[in-house]
Amino acid sequence: MVSFIFNFVHVAFRIYYFLLLANIILSWFPMRRGNVITDFIYEMTEPFLRIFRRILPPSPRFPLDFSPVLAIFALYIMEVLVFRLLVMLF
């Protein structure tokens, strides 16, 4: 049972990492809305990325969006904290 919980949490974080990576790659290409897959990726990642866009908004002078970098870093920190909490509980 314990290994199932650890594996489930690990897989959940990995899936979200891949969704963030897919969002980053898709942002390089002009795509129209309405595609089921791109809409799903956008809807799953945009609320999390929006937090970091408020912290570090892209400026007109330097239009690169660093919010995915901050999001991946924050997700990694959350993953470490969740696994430490699970180790303490089990």
C-alpha atoms as a PDB file:
ATOM      1  CA  MET A   1       0.000   0.000   0.000  1.00  0.00           C
ATOM      2  CA  VAL A   2       2.785   2.432   0.873  1.00  0.00           C
ATOM      3  CA  SER A   3       4.631   1.782  -2.363  1.00  0.00           C
ATOM      4  CA  PHE A   4       1.379   2.369  -4.285  1.00  0.00           C
ATOM      5  CA  ILE A   5       1.022   5.811  -2.685  1.00  0.00           C
ATOM      6  CA  PHE A   6       4.640   6.716  -3.421  1.00  0.00           C
ATOM      7  CA  ASN A   7       4.332   5.501  -7.018  1.00  0.00           C
ATOM      8  CA  PHE A   8       1.046   7.339  -7.527  1.00  0.00           C
ATOM      9  CA  VAL A   9       2.483  10.627  -6.262  1.00  0.00           C
ATOM     10  CA  HIS A  10       5.638  10.132  -8.339  1.00  0.00           C
ATOM     11  CA  VAL A  11       3.635   9.471 -11.513  1.00  0.00           C
ATOM     12  CA  ALA A  12       1.339  12.438 -10.845  1.00  0.00           C
ATOM     13  CA  PHE A  13       4.305  14.798 -10.567  1.00  0.00           C
ATOM     14  CA  ARG A  14       5.921  13.330 -13.701  1.00  0.00           C
ATOM     15  CA  ILE A  15       2.734  13.779 -15.703  1.00  0.00           C
ATOM     16  CA  TYR A  16       2.540  17.419 -14.639  1.00  0.00           C
ATOM     17  CA  TYR A  17       6.209  17.947 -15.535  1.00  0.00           C
ATOM     18  CA  PHE A  18       5.471  16.585 -19.015  1.00  0.00           C
ATOM     19  CA  LEU A  19       2.386  18.798 -19.325  1.00  0.00           C
ATOM     20  CA  LEU A  20       4.497  21.847 -18.449  1.00  0.00           C
ATOM     21  CA  LEU A  21       7.128  20.799 -20.968  1.00  0.00           C
ATOM     22  CA  ALA A  22       4.447  20.306 -23.622  1.00  0.00           C
ATOM     23  CA  ASN A  23       3.074  23.773 -22.863  1.00  0.00           C
ATOM     24  CA  ILE A  24       6.551  25.252 -23.284  1.00  0.00           C
ATOM     25  CA  ILE A  25       7.082  23.510 -26.631  1.00  0.00           C
ATOM     26  CA  LEU A  26       3.607  24.396 -27.890  1.00  0.00           C
ATOM     27  CA  SER A  27       4.172  28.049 -27.045  1.00  0.00           C
ATOM     28  CA  TRP A  28       6.918  28.163 -29.696  1.00  0.00           C
ATOM     29  CA  PHE A  29       4.465  27.396 -32.499  1.00  0.00           C
ATOM     30  CA  PRO A  30       1.498  29.489 -33.574  1.00  0.00           C
ATOM     31  CA  MET A  31      -1.497  27.251 -32.976  1.00  0.00           C
ATOM     32  CA  ARG A  32      -5.139  28.030 -33.141  1.00  0.00           C
ATOM     33  CA  ARG A  33      -7.346  27.205 -30.202  1.00  0.00           C
ATOM     34  CA  GLY A  34      -9.851  24.418 -30.487  1.00  0.00           C
ATOM     35  CA  ASN A  35      -7.539  21.419 -30.628  1.00  0.00           C
ATOM     36  CA  VAL A  36      -8.571  19.038 -27.852  1.00  0.00           C
ATOM     37  CA  ILE A  37      -5.013  18.126 -26.855  1.00  0.00           C
ATOM     38  CA  THR A  38      -3.616  21.666 -26.818  1.00  0.00           C
ATOM     39  CA  ASP A  39      -6.690  22.940 -24.972  1.00  0.00           C
ATOM     40  CA  PHE A  40      -6.270  20.209 -22.353  1.00  0.00           C
ATOM     41  CA  ILE A  41      -2.584  21.027 -21.868  1.00  0.00           C
ATOM     42  CA  TYR A  42      -3.349  24.736 -21.642  1.00  0.00           C
ATOM     43  CA  GLU A  43      -6.204  24.242 -19.157  1.00  0.00           C
ATOM     44  CA  MET A  44      -4.091  21.975 -16.940  1.00  0.00           C
ATOM     45  CA  THR A  45      -0.987  24.177 -16.817  1.00  0.00           C
ATOM     46  CA  GLU A  46      -2.171  27.756 -17.200  1.00  0.00           C
ATOM     47  CA  PRO A  47      -3.570  28.250 -13.672  1.00  0.00           C
ATOM     48  CA  PHE A  48      -0.236  27.140 -12.179  1.00  0.00           C
ATOM     49  CA  LEU A  49       1.791  29.234 -14.635  1.00  0.00           C
ATOM     50  CA  ARG A  50      -0.405  32.288 -14.028  1.00  0.00           C
ATOM     51  CA  ILE A  51       0.850  32.425 -10.435  1.00  0.00           C
ATOM     52  CA  PHE A  52       4.408  32.851 -11.650  1.00  0.00           C
ATOM     53  CA  ARG A  53       3.464  35.271 -14.441  1.00  0.00           C
ATOM     54  CA  ARG A  54       2.156  37.588 -11.741  1.00  0.00           C
ATOM     55  CA  ILE A  55       5.484  37.340  -9.921  1.00  0.00           C
ATOM     56  CA  LEU A  56       7.660  37.756 -13.017  1.00  0.00           C
ATOM     57  CA  PRO A  57       5.662  39.214 -15.909  1.00  0.00           C
ATOM     58  CA  PRO A  58       7.289  39.393 -19.343  1.00  0.00           C
ATOM     59  CA  SER A  59       8.263  42.962 -20.174  1.00  0.00           C
ATOM     60  CA  PRO A  60       8.066  44.590 -23.619  1.00  0.00           C
ATOM     61  CA  ARG A  61      11.826  45.156 -23.567  1.00  0.00           C
ATOM     62  CA  PHE A  62      12.562  41.502 -22.831  1.00  0.00           C
ATOM     63  CA  PRO A  63       9.601  39.418 -23.991  1.00  0.00           C
ATOM     64  CA  LEU A  64      10.804  36.005 -22.800  1.00  0.00           C
ATOM     65  CA  ASP A  65       8.482  34.306 -20.350  1.00  0.00           C
ATOM     66  CA  PHE A  66      10.396  32.772 -17.453  1.00  0.00           C
ATOM     67  CA  SER A  67       7.270  31.630 -15.598  1.00  0.00           C
ATOM     68  CA  PRO A  68       7.687  27.987 -16.765  1.00  0.00           C
ATOM     69  CA  VAL A  69      11.188  27.912 -15.285  1.00  0.00           C
ATOM     70  CA  LEU A  70       9.881  29.187 -11.960  1.00  0.00           C
ATOM     71  CA  ALA A  71       6.942  26.773 -12.154  1.00  0.00           C
ATOM     72  CA  ILE A  72       9.172  23.750 -12.734  1.00  0.00           C
ATOM     73  CA  PHE A  73      11.442  24.815  -9.878  1.00  0.00           C
ATOM     74  CA  ALA A  74       8.444  25.297  -7.548  1.00  0.00           C
ATOM     75  CA  LEU A  75       6.977  21.968  -8.643  1.00  0.00           C
ATOM     76  CA  TYR A  76      10.267  20.255  -7.817  1.00  0.00           C
ATOM     77  CA  ILE A  77      10.294  21.844  -4.352  1.00  0.00           C
ATOM     78  CA  MET A  78       6.690  20.733  -3.794  1.00  0.00           C
ATOM     79  CA  GLU A  79       7.581  17.205  -4.912  1.00  0.00           C
ATOM     80  CA  VAL A  80      10.465  17.019  -2.448  1.00  0.00           C
ATOM     81  CA  LEU A  81       8.285  18.333   0.378  1.00  0.00           C
ATOM     82  CA  VAL A  82       5.454  15.920  -0.403  1.00  0.00           C
ATOM     83  CA  PHE A  83       7.814  12.940  -0.462  1.00  0.00           C
ATOM     84  CA  ARG A  84       9.419  13.999   2.815  1.00  0.00           C
ATOM     85  CA  LEU A  85       5.965  14.321   4.347  1.00  0.00           C
ATOM     86  CA  LEU A  86       5.024  10.869   3.080  1.00  0.00           C
ATOM     87  CA  VAL A  87       8.227   9.396   4.500  1.00  0.00           C
ATOM     88  CA  MET A  88       7.433  10.948   7.879  1.00  0.00           C
ATOM     89  CA  LEU A  89       3.874   9.606   7.815  1.00  0.00           C
ATOM     90  CA  PHE A  90       4.784   6.070   6.751  1.00  0.00           C
END
